[in-house]
Amino acid sequence: MLGGFGNIAGILKSAKDLQGNLAKLQEQLAARRYEGAAGGGMVLAIVDGRGTLIDIKIDPQAVTDIELLEDLVKAAVGAATAKSQEGMKQELSALTGGLNIPGLSQMLGGS
């Protein structure tokens, strides 16, 4: 009968270990940078590993057409965010051994 309690203790230890690893991963993701470019590099967006926009660089030549510039900014941010999400997905897969745990990426700040 005690064998069942041993399994629960093991599960709780694994959960605590995972929680610690997730905290470390959050720090690592916040330090990572992903770039997305649009318009042949006229607009460059940089996001962190959690998908937060860090910086945006715009070539002055891109400012002549505001509507085009708006589209280029959206495209660059979208590209950088997609790279960030893919990086987070790979990190989570490595952390969980490929096990898909619903809601885990949201806990780390991803979408």
Protein backbone atom coordinates (compact mmCIF):
# COMPACT_ATOMS: atom_id res chain seq x y z
CA MET A 1 0.00 0.00 0.00
CA LEU A 2 2.89 2.38 0.68
CA GLY A 3 4.08 1.90 -2.87
CA GLY A 4 1.32 4.23 -4.05
CA PHE A 5 2.55 6.97 -1.73
CA GLY A 6 6.06 6.52 -3.08
CA ASN A 7 4.74 7.19 -6.56
CA ILE A 8 2.98 10.35 -5.36
CA ALA A 9 6.18 11.55 -3.71
CA GLY A 10 8.05 10.94 -6.96
CA ILE A 11 5.44 12.83 -8.94
CA LEU A 12 5.58 15.76 -6.52
CA LYS A 13 9.39 15.85 -6.74
CA SER A 14 9.19 15.77 -10.53
CA ALA A 15 6.66 18.60 -10.50
CA LYS A 16 8.90 20.67 -8.21
CA ASP A 17 11.91 20.00 -10.46
CA LEU A 18 9.87 21.03 -13.51
CA GLN A 19 8.80 24.23 -11.75
CA GLY A 20 12.44 25.10 -11.04
CA ASN A 21 13.42 24.33 -14.62
CA LEU A 22 10.57 26.51 -15.91
CA ALA A 23 11.77 29.44 -13.81
CA LYS A 24 15.27 29.07 -15.30
CA LEU A 25 13.76 28.80 -18.79
CA GLN A 26 11.80 32.03 -18.26
CA GLU A 27 15.04 33.86 -17.51
CA GLN A 28 16.75 32.34 -20.53
CA LEU A 29 13.86 33.22 -22.84
CA ALA A 30 13.84 36.82 -21.61
CA ALA A 31 17.52 37.09 -22.57
CA ARG A 32 17.15 35.59 -26.07
CA ARG A 33 16.67 37.81 -29.13
CA TYR A 34 14.97 36.99 -32.43
CA GLU A 35 14.98 39.24 -35.47
CA GLY A 36 12.41 39.60 -38.20
CA ALA A 37 12.95 41.74 -41.28
CA ALA A 38 10.66 43.08 -43.97
CA GLY A 39 11.06 45.15 -47.12
CA GLY A 40 14.48 43.78 -47.87
CA GLY A 41 15.71 44.74 -44.43
CA MET A 42 14.20 48.23 -44.42
CA VAL A 43 12.35 47.34 -41.23
CA LEU A 44 13.89 45.14 -38.53
CA ALA A 45 12.01 44.01 -35.43
CA ILE A 46 13.65 42.38 -32.45
CA VAL A 47 11.67 40.37 -29.88
CA ASP A 48 12.77 38.39 -26.86
CA GLY A 49 12.21 34.67 -26.39
CA ARG A 50 8.79 35.32 -24.87
CA GLY A 51 7.64 37.34 -27.89
CA THR A 52 7.92 40.79 -26.32
CA LEU A 53 8.94 43.51 -28.77
CA ILE A 54 12.36 44.81 -27.71
CA ASP A 55 13.41 47.09 -30.53
CA ILE A 56 12.46 48.19 -34.02
CA LYS A 57 14.76 49.75 -36.58
CA ILE A 58 13.46 51.58 -39.65
CA ASP A 59 15.54 52.64 -42.63
CA PRO A 60 14.75 56.33 -43.33
CA GLN A 61 13.97 55.43 -46.96
CA ALA A 62 10.97 53.41 -45.75
CA VAL A 63 9.30 56.52 -44.30
CA THR A 64 8.18 57.95 -47.64
CA ASP A 65 5.07 55.74 -47.81
CA ILE A 66 3.33 55.51 -44.43
CA GLU A 67 0.92 52.72 -45.40
CA LEU A 68 3.77 50.62 -46.76
CA LEU A 69 5.80 51.34 -43.63
CA GLU A 70 2.92 50.18 -41.43
CA ASP A 71 2.71 46.94 -43.41
CA LEU A 72 6.47 46.43 -43.19
CA VAL A 73 6.44 46.97 -39.42
CA LYS A 74 3.63 44.43 -38.97
CA ALA A 75 5.44 41.93 -41.20
CA ALA A 76 8.76 42.34 -39.38
CA VAL A 77 7.17 42.03 -35.94
CA GLY A 78 5.18 38.99 -37.10
CA ALA A 79 8.32 37.31 -38.47
CA ALA A 80 10.31 37.95 -35.29
CA THR A 81 7.43 36.75 -33.09
CA ALA A 82 7.07 33.55 -35.13
CA LYS A 83 10.79 32.84 -34.66
CA SER A 84 10.43 33.49 -30.94
CA GLN A 85 7.46 31.13 -30.63
CA GLU A 86 9.32 28.40 -32.51
CA GLY A 87 12.31 28.85 -30.21
CA MET A 88 10.09 28.60 -27.14
CA LYS A 89 8.39 25.52 -28.55
CA GLN A 90 11.77 23.82 -29.06
CA GLU A 91 12.94 24.74 -25.56
CA LEU A 92 9.74 23.43 -23.99
CA SER A 93 9.96 20.22 -25.99
CA ALA A 94 13.51 19.67 -24.76
CA LEU A 95 12.48 20.45 -21.17
CA THR A 96 9.46 18.14 -21.15
CA GLY A 97 10.95 15.37 -23.27
CA GLY A 98 8.50 16.11 -26.06
CA LEU A 99 5.48 15.85 -23.77
CA ASN A 100 2.85 18.47 -24.69
CA ILE A 101 1.59 20.07 -21.48
CA PRO A 102 -1.36 22.38 -22.21
CA GLY A 103 -0.90 25.93 -20.95
CA LEU A 104 2.85 25.61 -20.36
CA SER A 105 3.87 28.13 -23.00
CA GLN A 106 1.35 30.64 -21.63
CA MET A 107 2.97 30.30 -18.20
CA LEU A 108 6.24 31.39 -19.80
CA GLY A 109 4.72 34.44 -21.46
CA GLY A 110 4.13 32.92 -24.89
CA SER A 111 0.92 32.67 -26.82
